[in-house]
N, C-alpha and C. Protein backbone atom coordinates (compact mmCIF):
# COMPACT_ATOMS: atom_id res chain seq x y z
N MET A 1 172.17 -41.92 29.91
CA MET A 1 171.22 -40.97 29.26
C MET A 1 170.64 -39.89 30.27
N LEU A 2 170.19 -40.43 31.63
CA LEU A 2 169.69 -39.68 32.52
C LEU A 2 170.75 -38.61 32.97
N ARG A 3 172.05 -38.93 33.25
CA ARG A 3 172.96 -38.14 33.69
C ARG A 3 173.24 -37.06 32.55
N ALA A 4 173.31 -37.52 31.35
CA ALA A 4 173.59 -36.46 30.32
C ALA A 4 172.36 -35.36 30.23
N ASP A 5 171.26 -35.97 30.33
CA ASP A 5 170.12 -34.85 30.29
C ASP A 5 170.07 -34.10 31.60
N SER A 6 170.43 -34.68 32.75
CA SER A 6 170.37 -33.81 33.89
C SER A 6 171.47 -32.75 33.93
N SER A 7 172.57 -32.90 33.23
CA SER A 7 173.62 -31.88 33.21
C SER A 7 173.28 -30.70 32.24
N GLU A 8 172.48 -30.86 31.25
CA GLU A 8 172.15 -29.99 30.23
C GLU A 8 171.43 -28.63 30.92
N PRO A 9 170.29 -29.01 31.66
CA PRO A 9 169.80 -27.75 32.30
C PRO A 9 170.75 -27.12 33.09
N GLY A 10 171.65 -27.69 33.71
CA GLY A 10 172.93 -27.14 34.48
C GLY A 10 173.85 -26.01 33.77
N GLU A 11 173.88 -26.49 32.42
CA GLU A 11 174.79 -25.72 31.61
C GLU A 11 173.87 -24.37 31.18
N ARG A 12 172.65 -24.58 30.84
CA ARG A 12 171.72 -23.52 30.46
C ARG A 12 171.54 -22.62 31.57
N GLY A 13 171.61 -23.17 32.85
CA GLY A 13 171.50 -22.12 34.16
C GLY A 13 172.57 -21.52 34.17
N ARG A 14 173.80 -22.02 34.03
CA ARG A 14 175.09 -21.30 34.20
C ARG A 14 175.24 -20.13 33.07
N GLY A 15 174.75 -20.49 31.93
CA GLY A 15 174.74 -19.44 30.85
C GLY A 15 173.87 -18.23 31.07
N ARG A 16 172.67 -18.69 31.73
CA ARG A 16 171.71 -17.57 32.20
C ARG A 16 172.42 -16.74 33.14
N ILE A 17 173.23 -17.40 34.14
CA ILE A 17 173.84 -16.59 35.14
C ILE A 17 174.84 -15.59 34.61
N GLU A 18 175.58 -16.21 33.64
CA GLU A 18 176.60 -15.43 33.14
C GLU A 18 175.91 -14.02 32.30
N ILE A 19 174.79 -14.38 31.68
CA ILE A 19 174.04 -13.42 30.90
C ILE A 19 173.68 -12.43 31.97
N ASN A 20 173.07 -12.78 32.97
CA ASN A 20 172.50 -11.81 34.11
C ASN A 20 173.61 -11.04 34.73
N ARG A 21 174.63 -11.54 34.89
CA ARG A 21 176.06 -10.91 35.40
C ARG A 21 176.41 -9.77 34.49
N GLY A 22 176.45 -10.15 33.14
CA GLY A 22 176.78 -9.20 32.21
C GLY A 22 175.85 -7.97 31.94
N PHE A 23 174.78 -8.50 32.04
CA PHE A 23 173.78 -7.33 32.13
C PHE A 23 173.48 -6.42 33.22
N VAL A 24 173.92 -7.11 34.38
CA VAL A 24 174.03 -6.07 35.71
C VAL A 24 175.28 -4.96 35.56
N SER A 25 176.39 -5.80 35.17
CA SER A 25 177.55 -5.05 34.93
C SER A 25 177.43 -3.85 33.85
N GLY A 26 176.72 -4.24 33.01
CA GLY A 26 176.48 -3.18 31.82
C GLY A 26 175.62 -2.05 32.26
N MET A 27 174.52 -2.40 33.00
CA MET A 27 173.57 -1.45 33.50
C MET A 27 174.47 -0.45 34.65
N LEU A 28 175.32 -1.17 35.38
CA LEU A 28 176.00 -0.32 36.50
C LEU A 28 176.89 0.56 35.72
N ALA A 29 177.73 0.27 34.78
CA ALA A 29 178.63 1.02 33.96
C ALA A 29 177.98 1.98 33.42
N LEU A 30 176.57 1.88 32.81
CA LEU A 30 175.95 2.90 32.18
C LEU A 30 175.44 3.99 33.08
N LEU A 31 175.10 3.45 34.31
CA LEU A 31 174.40 4.35 35.46
C LEU A 31 175.39 5.28 35.94
N ILE A 32 176.69 4.53 36.12
CA ILE A 32 177.91 5.50 36.53
C ILE A 32 178.36 6.54 35.39
N GLY A 33 178.31 6.23 34.26
CA GLY A 33 178.68 6.98 33.10
C GLY A 33 177.69 8.12 33.24
N VAL A 34 176.41 7.89 33.24
CA VAL A 34 175.32 9.16 33.42
C VAL A 34 175.59 9.91 34.44
N PHE A 35 175.93 9.20 35.73
CA PHE A 35 176.16 10.11 36.86
C PHE A 35 177.09 11.12 36.52
N PHE A 36 178.40 10.59 36.08
CA PHE A 36 179.59 11.52 35.84
C PHE A 36 179.37 12.48 34.81
N SER A 37 178.50 12.09 33.74
CA SER A 37 178.27 13.05 32.64
C SER A 37 177.22 14.09 33.11
N LEU A 38 176.51 13.91 34.14
CA LEU A 38 175.66 14.85 34.55
C LEU A 38 176.14 15.65 35.85
N GLY A 39 177.33 15.27 36.26
CA GLY A 39 178.05 15.99 37.44
C GLY A 39 178.37 17.35 37.28
N PRO A 40 178.93 17.88 36.28
CA PRO A 40 179.21 19.31 36.22
C PRO A 40 177.79 20.07 36.12
N GLY A 41 176.68 19.58 35.22
CA GLY A 41 175.42 20.23 35.16
C GLY A 41 174.80 20.37 36.70
N MET A 42 175.04 19.21 37.38
CA MET A 42 174.16 19.27 38.56
C MET A 42 175.09 20.23 39.57
N ALA A 43 176.21 20.36 39.23
CA ALA A 43 176.97 21.22 40.37
C ALA A 43 176.69 22.63 39.97
N GLN A 44 176.13 22.83 38.73
CA GLN A 44 175.77 24.38 38.44
C GLN A 44 174.44 24.60 38.67
N SER A 45 173.64 23.41 39.08
CA SER A 45 172.17 23.75 39.34
C SER A 45 171.96 24.52 40.65
N PRO A 46 171.06 25.49 40.80
CA PRO A 46 170.98 26.35 41.73
C PRO A 46 170.46 25.73 42.98
N ASN A 47 169.69 24.65 42.81
CA ASN A 47 169.00 23.99 43.87
C ASN A 47 170.11 23.07 44.73
N LEU A 48 171.11 22.56 43.77
CA LEU A 48 172.19 21.70 44.38
C LEU A 48 173.32 22.63 44.86
N ASP A 49 173.71 23.72 44.11
CA ASP A 49 175.03 24.40 44.41
C ASP A 49 174.69 25.42 45.56
N LEU A 50 173.47 26.09 45.65
CA LEU A 50 173.22 27.20 46.47
C LEU A 50 172.18 26.80 47.51
N GLY A 51 171.34 25.68 47.15
CA GLY A 51 170.12 25.42 47.90
C GLY A 51 168.94 26.43 47.80
N ILE A 52 169.10 27.17 46.77
CA ILE A 52 167.80 27.99 46.69
C ILE A 52 167.22 27.70 45.21
N SER A 53 166.05 28.06 45.02
CA SER A 53 165.43 27.79 43.47
C SER A 53 165.74 28.82 42.65
N ILE A 54 165.47 28.41 41.32
CA ILE A 54 165.85 29.43 40.37
C ILE A 54 165.09 30.69 40.37
N SER A 55 163.94 30.59 40.87
CA SER A 55 162.91 31.81 41.19
C SER A 55 163.48 32.98 42.03
N ASP A 56 164.62 32.42 43.07
CA ASP A 56 165.26 33.27 43.92
C ASP A 56 166.55 33.81 43.05
N GLY A 57 166.23 34.34 41.86
CA GLY A 57 167.39 34.87 41.08
C GLY A 57 168.33 35.97 41.83
N SER A 58 167.55 36.86 42.29
CA SER A 58 168.17 37.96 42.89
C SER A 58 169.04 37.68 44.23
N LEU A 59 168.36 36.67 44.90
CA LEU A 59 169.05 36.29 46.06
C LEU A 59 170.25 35.42 45.84
N ARG A 60 170.19 34.55 44.79
CA ARG A 60 171.22 33.77 44.50
C ARG A 60 172.43 34.56 43.83
N GLY A 61 172.02 35.73 43.14
CA GLY A 61 173.14 36.60 42.70
C GLY A 61 173.83 37.46 43.73
N PHE A 62 173.07 37.58 44.83
CA PHE A 62 173.72 38.38 46.04
C PHE A 62 174.63 37.39 46.69
N TYR A 63 174.39 36.11 46.82
CA TYR A 63 175.19 35.12 47.51
C TYR A 63 176.39 34.88 46.64
N LEU A 64 176.16 34.82 45.39
CA LEU A 64 177.44 34.68 44.58
C LEU A 64 178.36 36.01 44.58
N ALA A 65 177.78 36.97 44.59
CA ALA A 65 178.70 38.35 44.79
C ALA A 65 179.49 38.25 45.91
N ILE A 66 178.83 37.87 47.22
CA ILE A 66 179.47 37.75 48.29
C ILE A 66 180.67 36.85 48.38
N GLY A 67 180.32 35.61 47.73
CA GLY A 67 181.26 34.54 47.69
C GLY A 67 182.55 34.89 46.87
N ASP A 68 182.15 35.66 45.64
CA ASP A 68 183.25 36.00 44.83
C ASP A 68 184.07 37.28 45.46
N TYR A 69 183.58 38.21 46.06
CA TYR A 69 184.28 39.17 46.70
C TYR A 69 184.95 38.95 48.01
N TYR A 70 184.45 38.02 48.70
CA TYR A 70 185.21 37.67 49.82
C TYR A 70 185.85 36.25 49.98
N GLY A 71 185.88 35.84 48.63
CA GLY A 71 186.77 34.48 48.38
C GLY A 71 186.27 33.35 49.25
N VAL A 72 184.90 33.08 49.37
CA VAL A 72 184.27 31.89 49.90
C VAL A 72 183.42 31.37 48.98
N GLN A 73 183.18 30.05 49.21
CA GLN A 73 182.22 29.32 48.36
C GLN A 73 180.85 29.72 48.48
N PRO A 74 179.85 30.05 47.62
CA PRO A 74 178.56 30.49 47.64
C PRO A 74 177.67 29.44 48.47
N ARG A 75 177.95 28.30 48.55
CA ARG A 75 177.31 27.26 49.15
C ARG A 75 177.56 27.38 50.71
N GLN A 76 178.78 27.83 50.97
CA GLN A 76 179.08 28.26 52.39
C GLN A 76 178.35 29.46 53.00
N VAL A 77 178.20 30.31 52.09
CA VAL A 77 177.42 31.53 52.50
C VAL A 77 175.89 31.11 52.59
N VAL A 78 175.35 30.32 52.02
CA VAL A 78 174.03 29.90 52.07
C VAL A 78 173.93 29.08 53.35
N ASP A 79 174.70 28.12 53.58
CA ASP A 79 174.83 27.43 54.83
C ASP A 79 175.14 28.22 56.09
N PHE A 80 175.74 29.31 55.91
CA PHE A 80 176.00 30.10 57.02
C PHE A 80 174.74 31.02 57.34
N ARG A 81 174.18 31.31 56.42
CA ARG A 81 172.70 32.32 56.43
C ARG A 81 171.69 31.40 57.12
N GLN A 82 171.59 30.09 56.59
CA GLN A 82 170.64 29.19 57.27
C GLN A 82 170.89 28.91 58.67
N ARG A 83 172.30 28.57 58.82
CA ARG A 83 172.57 28.19 60.21
C ARG A 83 172.27 29.16 61.52
N TYR A 84 172.71 30.50 60.99
CA TYR A 84 172.55 31.40 62.12
C TYR A 84 171.34 32.50 61.67
N ARG A 85 170.55 32.19 60.74
CA ARG A 85 169.59 33.04 60.44
C ARG A 85 169.74 34.57 60.33
N CYS A 86 171.13 34.72 59.71
CA CYS A 86 171.69 36.07 59.55
C CYS A 86 170.81 36.92 58.51
N PRO A 87 170.42 37.95 58.77
CA PRO A 87 169.78 38.91 57.73
C PRO A 87 170.70 38.86 56.44
N GLU A 88 170.18 38.96 55.07
CA GLU A 88 170.90 39.12 54.00
C GLU A 88 171.85 40.11 53.94
N ASP A 89 171.27 41.35 54.34
CA ASP A 89 171.92 42.57 54.23
C ASP A 89 173.18 42.52 55.14
N GLU A 90 173.21 41.69 56.36
CA GLU A 90 174.26 41.78 57.30
C GLU A 90 175.42 40.71 57.00
N LEU A 91 175.18 39.88 56.07
CA LEU A 91 176.18 38.78 55.66
C LEU A 91 177.40 39.46 55.14
N PRO A 92 177.44 40.46 54.20
CA PRO A 92 178.88 41.26 53.93
C PRO A 92 179.31 41.75 55.08
N VAL A 93 178.62 42.15 56.17
CA VAL A 93 179.27 42.68 57.32
C VAL A 93 179.94 41.75 57.98
N VAL A 94 179.49 40.43 58.29
CA VAL A 94 180.07 39.33 59.04
C VAL A 94 181.40 38.93 58.17
N TYR A 95 181.33 38.82 56.92
CA TYR A 95 182.45 38.46 56.19
C TYR A 95 183.63 39.48 56.23
N PHE A 96 183.16 40.64 56.07
CA PHE A 96 184.03 41.80 56.07
C PHE A 96 184.85 41.89 57.40
N VAL A 97 184.08 41.94 58.53
CA VAL A 97 184.75 42.19 59.80
C VAL A 97 185.63 40.73 60.13
N ALA A 98 185.06 39.76 59.88
CA ALA A 98 185.96 38.65 59.92
C ALA A 98 187.21 38.41 59.11
N ALA A 99 187.04 39.00 58.01
CA ALA A 99 188.43 39.16 57.16
C ALA A 99 189.38 40.02 57.80
N ARG A 100 188.81 41.26 58.26
CA ARG A 100 189.63 42.41 58.82
C ARG A 100 190.28 41.83 60.25
N ALA A 101 189.45 41.12 60.95
CA ALA A 101 189.96 40.89 62.16
C ALA A 101 190.62 39.43 62.11
N ARG A 102 190.83 38.67 60.96
CA ARG A 102 191.53 37.49 60.73
C ARG A 102 190.85 36.45 61.73
N VAL A 103 189.38 36.28 61.74
CA VAL A 103 188.89 35.13 62.41
C VAL A 103 187.83 34.48 61.46
N GLU A 104 187.24 33.42 62.19
CA GLU A 104 186.14 32.79 61.37
C GLU A 104 184.84 33.67 61.33
N PRO A 105 184.13 33.63 60.54
CA PRO A 105 182.92 34.32 60.43
C PRO A 105 182.07 33.84 61.62
N ALA A 106 182.19 32.66 61.99
CA ALA A 106 181.37 32.26 63.11
C ALA A 106 181.73 33.03 64.51
N ALA A 107 182.96 33.32 64.58
CA ALA A 107 183.38 34.06 65.82
C ALA A 107 182.67 35.46 65.65
N VAL A 108 182.45 36.11 64.54
CA VAL A 108 181.86 37.22 64.51
C VAL A 108 180.53 37.22 64.81
N MET A 109 179.76 36.26 64.19
CA MET A 109 178.20 35.97 64.33
C MET A 109 177.99 35.57 65.87
N ASN A 110 178.86 34.95 66.59
CA ASN A 110 178.53 34.80 67.81
C ASN A 110 178.42 35.94 68.71
N LEU A 111 179.39 36.91 68.43
CA LEU A 111 179.22 37.94 69.15
C LEU A 111 177.86 38.93 68.88
N ARG A 112 177.53 38.56 67.60
CA ARG A 112 176.30 39.40 67.07
C ARG A 112 175.05 38.79 67.86
N LEU A 113 175.10 37.50 68.09
CA LEU A 113 173.85 36.86 68.62
C LEU A 113 173.73 37.18 69.97
N GLY A 114 174.92 37.63 70.62
CA GLY A 114 175.06 38.00 71.99
C GLY A 114 174.64 39.34 72.14
N LYS A 115 173.94 39.98 71.11
CA LYS A 115 173.27 41.11 71.25
C LYS A 115 174.24 42.42 71.21
N MET A 116 175.64 42.06 70.80
CA MET A 116 176.69 43.22 70.60
C MET A 116 176.38 44.04 69.20
N SER A 117 176.58 45.42 69.36
CA SER A 117 176.24 45.99 68.08
C SER A 117 177.42 45.90 67.32
N TRP A 118 177.33 46.22 65.95
CA TRP A 118 178.47 45.97 64.96
C TRP A 118 179.64 46.89 65.31
N LEU A 119 179.34 48.11 65.78
CA LEU A 119 180.38 49.03 66.13
C LEU A 119 181.35 48.40 67.33
N ASP A 120 180.61 47.90 68.37
CA ASP A 120 181.35 47.16 69.57
C ASP A 120 182.09 46.03 69.06
N ILE A 121 181.53 45.26 68.12
CA ILE A 121 182.10 43.98 67.61
C ILE A 121 183.37 44.52 66.87
N ALA A 122 183.42 45.65 66.15
CA ALA A 122 184.75 45.99 65.56
C ALA A 122 185.65 46.50 66.66
N PHE A 123 185.40 47.15 67.65
CA PHE A 123 186.08 47.59 68.75
C PHE A 123 186.49 46.40 69.57
N HIS A 124 185.88 45.30 69.73
CA HIS A 124 186.17 44.05 70.26
C HIS A 124 187.31 43.43 69.62
N PHE A 125 187.32 43.49 68.36
CA PHE A 125 188.60 43.09 67.55
C PHE A 125 189.72 44.08 67.20
N ARG A 126 189.56 45.04 67.99
CA ARG A 126 190.65 46.30 67.99
C ARG A 126 190.66 46.87 66.41
N LEU A 127 189.42 47.05 65.95
CA LEU A 127 189.35 47.60 64.65
C LEU A 127 188.72 48.82 64.87
N THR A 128 189.00 49.78 64.06
CA THR A 128 188.38 51.15 64.08
C THR A 128 187.32 51.46 63.05
N PRO A 129 186.37 52.30 63.27
CA PRO A 129 185.14 52.67 62.44
C PRO A 129 185.89 53.03 60.94
N GLU A 130 187.18 53.45 60.95
CA GLU A 130 187.65 53.94 59.57
C GLU A 130 187.44 52.84 58.59
N ILE A 131 187.45 51.50 59.02
CA ILE A 131 187.42 50.47 58.01
C ILE A 131 186.25 50.40 57.19
N PHE A 132 185.20 51.08 57.74
CA PHE A 132 183.78 51.04 57.15
C PHE A 132 183.54 51.99 56.13
N PHE A 133 184.43 53.03 56.07
CA PHE A 133 184.22 54.19 55.02
C PHE A 133 185.14 54.05 53.71
N VAL A 134 184.46 54.45 52.69
CA VAL A 134 185.26 54.61 51.33
C VAL A 134 185.37 55.98 51.05
N PRO A 135 186.46 56.42 50.35
CA PRO A 135 186.64 57.70 49.99
C PRO A 135 185.58 58.22 48.82
N LEU A 136 185.23 59.40 48.95
CA LEU A 136 184.03 59.95 47.95
C LEU A 136 184.48 61.09 47.36
N ALA A 137 183.98 61.52 46.24
CA ALA A 137 184.55 62.54 45.35
C ALA A 137 183.62 63.87 45.49
N THR A 138 182.65 63.65 46.61
CA THR A 138 181.81 64.86 46.91
C THR A 138 181.79 65.13 48.32
N GLU A 139 181.46 66.26 48.62
CA GLU A 139 181.50 66.77 49.93
C GLU A 139 179.97 66.55 50.47
N ARG A 140 179.19 66.89 49.81
CA ARG A 140 177.78 66.70 50.22
C ARG A 140 177.33 65.43 50.20
N VAL A 141 176.88 64.71 51.37
CA VAL A 141 176.44 63.38 51.52
C VAL A 141 174.92 63.25 51.96
N GLY A 142 174.12 62.79 51.22
CA GLY A 142 172.61 62.81 51.86
C GLY A 142 172.41 61.44 52.55
N PRO A 143 171.05 61.26 52.88
CA PRO A 143 170.81 60.04 53.70
C PRO A 143 170.71 58.91 52.79
N PRO A 144 171.17 57.78 53.46
CA PRO A 144 171.18 57.44 54.78
C PRO A 144 172.69 57.46 55.14
N TYR A 145 173.66 58.20 54.39
CA TYR A 145 174.96 58.15 54.63
C TYR A 145 175.56 59.49 55.48
N GLY A 146 174.56 60.39 55.35
CA GLY A 146 175.06 61.72 55.80
C GLY A 146 175.63 61.87 57.26
N ASN A 147 174.89 61.18 58.09
CA ASN A 147 175.25 61.23 59.60
C ASN A 147 176.53 60.55 59.82
N ALA A 148 176.55 59.31 59.23
CA ALA A 148 177.93 58.55 59.33
C ALA A 148 179.11 59.36 58.79
N TYR A 149 178.96 59.76 57.75
CA TYR A 149 180.15 60.64 57.03
C TYR A 149 180.29 62.05 57.91
N GLY A 150 179.50 62.43 58.61
CA GLY A 150 179.37 63.64 59.33
C GLY A 150 180.38 63.29 60.63
N TYR A 151 180.18 62.33 61.36
CA TYR A 151 181.00 61.89 62.32
C TYR A 151 182.49 61.53 61.74
N TYR A 152 182.50 60.79 60.85
CA TYR A 152 183.77 60.44 60.20
C TYR A 152 184.58 61.74 60.00
N ARG A 153 184.11 62.63 59.24
CA ARG A 153 184.82 63.87 59.06
C ARG A 153 185.20 64.77 60.11
N LYS A 154 184.48 64.70 61.17
CA LYS A 154 184.51 65.50 62.44
C LYS A 154 185.67 64.82 63.26
N TYR A 155 185.65 63.46 63.52
CA TYR A 155 186.47 62.82 64.41
C TYR A 155 187.55 61.98 63.93
N GLY A 156 187.40 61.67 62.44
CA GLY A 156 188.51 60.73 61.89
C GLY A 156 189.83 61.31 61.66
N PRO A 157 189.98 62.78 61.33
CA PRO A 157 191.35 63.09 61.29
C PRO A 157 192.04 63.20 62.60
N SER A 158 191.34 63.40 63.80
CA SER A 158 192.08 63.43 65.08
C SER A 158 192.11 61.99 65.70
N GLY A 159 191.46 61.03 64.90
CA GLY A 159 191.63 59.64 65.36
C GLY A 159 190.91 59.29 66.71
N ASP A 160 189.69 60.21 66.93
CA ASP A 160 188.83 59.89 68.13
C ASP A 160 187.81 58.89 67.77
N TRP A 161 188.13 57.88 67.62
CA TRP A 161 187.13 56.72 67.00
C TRP A 161 186.16 56.50 67.96
N ARG A 162 186.51 56.54 69.15
CA ARG A 162 185.35 56.29 70.33
C ARG A 162 184.38 57.15 70.21
N LYS A 163 184.50 58.34 69.66
CA LYS A 163 183.29 59.42 69.67
C LYS A 163 182.51 59.33 68.53
N ILE A 164 182.88 58.32 67.61
CA ILE A 164 182.05 58.17 66.46
C ILE A 164 180.93 57.09 66.78
N ARG A 165 179.73 57.56 66.65
CA ARG A 165 178.67 56.83 66.86
C ARG A 165 177.98 56.34 65.54
N LEU A 166 177.92 55.02 65.30
CA LEU A 166 177.27 54.28 64.27
C LEU A 166 176.15 53.47 64.66
N SER A 167 175.07 53.64 64.21
CA SER A 167 174.03 52.48 64.44
C SER A 167 174.45 51.15 63.74
N ASP A 168 173.67 49.98 64.08
CA ASP A 168 173.79 48.83 63.22
C ASP A 168 173.50 49.04 61.70
N ARG A 169 172.23 49.79 61.30
CA ARG A 169 171.95 50.15 60.16
C ARG A 169 172.80 50.96 59.41
N GLU A 170 173.54 51.89 59.90
CA GLU A 170 174.61 52.72 59.41
C GLU A 170 175.81 51.83 59.01
N VAL A 171 176.27 50.87 59.94
CA VAL A 171 177.21 49.95 59.37
C VAL A 171 176.90 49.14 58.26
N VAL A 172 175.76 48.48 58.29
CA VAL A 172 175.29 47.75 57.28
C VAL A 172 175.31 48.53 55.94
N ASP A 173 174.82 49.73 55.92
CA ASP A 173 174.75 50.55 54.77
C ASP A 173 176.23 50.84 54.20
N LEU A 174 177.07 51.02 55.20
CA LEU A 174 178.62 51.31 54.77
C LEU A 174 179.30 50.30 54.33
N VAL A 175 179.03 49.04 54.87
CA VAL A 175 179.85 47.95 54.36
C VAL A 175 179.38 47.36 53.16
N ASN A 176 178.05 47.65 52.95
CA ASN A 176 177.59 47.20 51.69
C ASN A 176 177.88 48.17 50.51
N LEU A 177 177.99 49.54 50.99
CA LEU A 177 178.56 50.43 49.92
C LEU A 177 179.95 49.96 49.31
N LYS A 178 180.78 49.59 50.47
CA LYS A 178 182.14 49.33 50.11
C LYS A 178 182.21 48.06 49.25
N PHE A 179 181.31 47.08 49.64
CA PHE A 179 181.34 45.75 49.15
C PHE A 179 180.97 45.92 47.52
N LEU A 180 179.75 46.58 47.15
CA LEU A 180 179.21 46.66 46.00
C LEU A 180 180.10 47.63 45.14
N SER A 181 180.50 48.71 45.48
CA SER A 181 181.23 49.65 44.79
C SER A 181 182.65 48.90 44.37
N GLU A 182 183.22 48.25 45.16
CA GLU A 182 184.57 47.60 44.91
C GLU A 182 184.30 46.34 44.02
N HIS A 183 183.32 45.55 44.51
CA HIS A 183 183.01 44.29 43.60
C HIS A 183 182.71 44.78 42.30
N TYR A 184 181.86 45.67 41.81
CA TYR A 184 181.35 45.91 40.62
C TYR A 184 182.26 47.21 40.12
N ARG A 185 183.18 47.47 40.67
CA ARG A 185 184.05 48.76 40.24
C ARG A 185 183.25 50.07 39.81
N MET A 186 182.17 50.24 40.80
CA MET A 186 181.45 51.40 40.58
C MET A 186 181.95 52.43 41.35
N ALA A 187 181.52 53.71 41.02
CA ALA A 187 181.68 54.86 41.96
C ALA A 187 180.80 54.74 43.05
N PRO A 188 181.34 54.91 44.37
CA PRO A 188 180.52 54.79 45.60
C PRO A 188 179.26 55.69 45.51
N GLU A 189 179.39 56.92 44.85
CA GLU A 189 178.15 57.75 44.84
C GLU A 189 176.95 57.07 44.00
N ALA A 190 177.41 56.21 43.02
CA ALA A 190 176.25 55.56 42.20
C ALA A 190 175.63 54.72 42.95
N VAL A 191 176.22 54.01 43.95
CA VAL A 191 175.55 53.07 44.85
C VAL A 191 174.84 53.76 45.97
N MET A 192 175.28 54.87 46.36
CA MET A 192 174.61 55.67 47.34
C MET A 192 173.26 56.20 46.71
N ALA A 193 173.42 56.52 45.58
CA ALA A 193 171.92 57.01 44.77
C ALA A 193 171.06 55.91 44.83
N MET A 194 171.53 54.61 44.47
CA MET A 194 170.63 53.49 44.39
C MET A 194 170.00 53.15 45.90
N ARG A 195 170.86 53.35 47.00
CA ARG A 195 170.45 53.01 48.26
C ARG A 195 169.31 53.99 48.73
N GLY A 196 169.59 55.26 48.20
CA GLY A 196 168.53 56.41 48.32
C GLY A 196 167.18 56.13 47.91
N ARG A 197 167.04 55.07 46.90
CA ARG A 197 165.68 54.81 46.40
C ARG A 197 165.23 53.29 46.92
N GLU A 198 166.35 52.36 47.23
CA GLU A 198 165.91 51.29 47.69
C GLU A 198 166.68 50.89 49.05
N SER A 199 165.99 50.13 49.99
CA SER A 199 166.68 49.80 51.22
C SER A 199 167.32 48.46 51.27
N LYS A 200 166.97 47.65 50.45
CA LYS A 200 167.41 46.21 50.55
C LYS A 200 168.56 46.06 49.38
N PHE A 201 169.79 45.65 50.03
CA PHE A 201 170.95 45.38 49.14
C PHE A 201 170.86 44.22 48.14
N VAL A 202 169.91 43.19 48.56
CA VAL A 202 169.66 42.15 47.67
C VAL A 202 169.14 42.77 46.21
N VAL A 203 168.15 43.70 46.49
CA VAL A 203 167.60 44.30 45.28
C VAL A 203 168.61 45.06 44.59
N ILE A 204 169.33 45.93 45.48
CA ILE A 204 170.29 46.91 44.67
C ILE A 204 171.40 45.94 43.90
N ASN A 205 171.89 44.92 44.52
CA ASN A 205 172.94 44.07 43.69
C ASN A 205 172.27 43.77 42.40
N ASP A 206 171.08 43.15 42.51
CA ASP A 206 170.33 42.53 41.37
C ASP A 206 170.21 43.66 40.25
N GLY A 207 169.94 44.73 40.74
CA GLY A 207 169.80 45.95 39.64
C GLY A 207 171.19 46.21 38.90
N ILE A 208 172.26 46.22 39.70
CA ILE A 208 173.54 46.28 39.17
C ILE A 208 173.94 45.15 38.27
N ARG A 209 173.63 43.84 38.76
CA ARG A 209 173.93 42.79 37.96
C ARG A 209 173.23 42.82 36.69
N ARG A 210 171.90 43.17 36.68
CA ARG A 210 171.08 43.21 35.47
C ARG A 210 171.48 44.30 34.47
N ASN A 211 172.27 45.22 35.04
CA ASN A 211 172.80 46.39 34.28
C ASN A 211 174.21 45.98 33.87
N GLY A 212 174.62 44.83 33.81
CA GLY A 212 176.02 44.40 33.40
C GLY A 212 177.12 44.76 34.51
N GLY A 213 176.61 45.10 35.61
CA GLY A 213 177.80 45.52 36.76
C GLY A 213 178.55 46.53 36.50
N LYS A 214 177.98 47.61 35.63
CA LYS A 214 178.64 48.65 35.28
C LYS A 214 178.12 50.01 35.98
N GLY A 215 179.05 50.62 36.73
CA GLY A 215 178.69 52.04 37.28
C GLY A 215 178.98 53.15 36.32
N LYS A 216 178.25 54.08 36.60
CA LYS A 216 178.71 55.27 35.79
C LYS A 216 179.50 56.26 36.47
N THR A 217 180.74 55.48 36.31
CA THR A 217 181.96 56.28 36.90
C THR A 217 182.35 57.61 36.24
N GLU A 218 181.94 57.81 34.85
CA GLU A 218 182.29 58.88 34.10
C GLU A 218 181.51 60.10 34.86
N LYS A 219 180.30 59.97 35.48
CA LYS A 219 179.52 61.02 35.84
C LYS A 219 179.78 61.21 37.43
N GLN A 220 180.71 60.28 37.93
CA GLN A 220 181.02 60.48 39.34
C GLN A 220 182.43 61.00 39.43
N GLY A 221 183.01 61.55 38.73
CA GLY A 221 184.35 62.20 39.05
C GLY A 221 185.35 61.15 38.62
N GLN A 222 185.13 60.19 37.73
CA GLN A 222 186.16 59.16 37.58
C GLN A 222 185.94 58.94 36.02
N ASN A 223 187.05 58.57 35.37
CA ASN A 223 187.13 58.30 33.88
C ASN A 223 186.93 56.72 33.80
N PRO A 224 186.49 56.05 32.63
CA PRO A 224 186.20 54.62 32.49
C PRO A 224 187.31 53.83 32.97
N LYS A 225 188.57 54.26 33.12
CA LYS A 225 189.54 53.47 33.50
C LYS A 225 189.88 53.42 34.98
N GLY A 226 188.80 54.06 35.72
CA GLY A 226 188.87 54.14 37.03
C GLY A 226 189.78 55.14 37.88
N LYS A 227 190.29 56.02 36.89
CA LYS A 227 191.44 57.06 37.59
C LYS A 227 190.71 58.33 37.76
N GLY A 228 191.14 58.98 39.05
CA GLY A 228 190.44 60.10 39.38
C GLY A 228 190.67 61.20 38.45
N ASN A 229 189.93 62.43 38.63
CA ASN A 229 190.08 63.51 37.69
C ASN A 229 190.64 64.61 38.48
N GLY A 230 191.35 64.38 39.58
CA GLY A 230 192.10 65.29 40.34
C GLY A 230 191.43 66.10 41.26
N LYS A 231 189.94 65.78 41.45
CA LYS A 231 189.08 66.41 42.43
C LYS A 231 189.37 65.79 43.74
N LYS A 232 189.23 66.56 44.90
CA LYS A 232 189.51 65.94 46.29
C LYS A 232 188.50 64.94 46.58
N LYS A 233 188.96 63.93 47.27
CA LYS A 233 188.32 62.79 47.71
C LYS A 233 187.92 62.98 49.12
N TYR A 234 186.64 63.13 49.50
CA TYR A 234 186.19 63.55 50.79
C TYR A 234 185.90 62.00 51.45
N GLY A 235 186.41 61.93 52.82
CA GLY A 235 186.28 60.71 53.58
C GLY A 235 187.44 59.87 53.31
N SER A 236 188.48 60.12 52.68
CA SER A 236 189.64 59.56 52.57
C SER A 236 190.65 59.80 53.90
């Protein structure tokens, strides 16, 4: 009797152990299921994907546009910006020069951190200032692009690239003009007009994006299909 009674609690104990194991396994399976079900949503979260808050919508849109245009993950753009403390407006320049020179963006940024100008960095990689310019449908170019296009039209046809003088700000303006006009398929003149009113390209990009990314090409010498109307392209 004593032996039989002493074995009964053991059976109940093993039963409880089995129940506990089943409970733990069930909870673990549930947690795994919840994790994977939230995975795609979490990947789309601005905080997780880009490392910035939803309130930074204009900045987030700028990073997304850079990533899409230059073929890099937006998260990499954010990491690069945070690692090198690169000004937002200069990020497109870094990726543009890196793509043209076929080097890593870090190689370009290291030269920039060494106090080298953007024009000298281009020359370092055996690139000419020609890469910074886009064709225009107008001869008259106002600030802040007038000086740069003046040099380009004077020395470009003869190939005297070393005589072209571009400040860092002018290179930034030119590359962002190329980036935004090509990414959103806008007439460059439309972006120029926006730059004349606003100095930050993060803000300019946000304005274009909120407008559906549509440029007024019909009013800039192009039809809606992006074909020219036969007028001369200056700076080409």
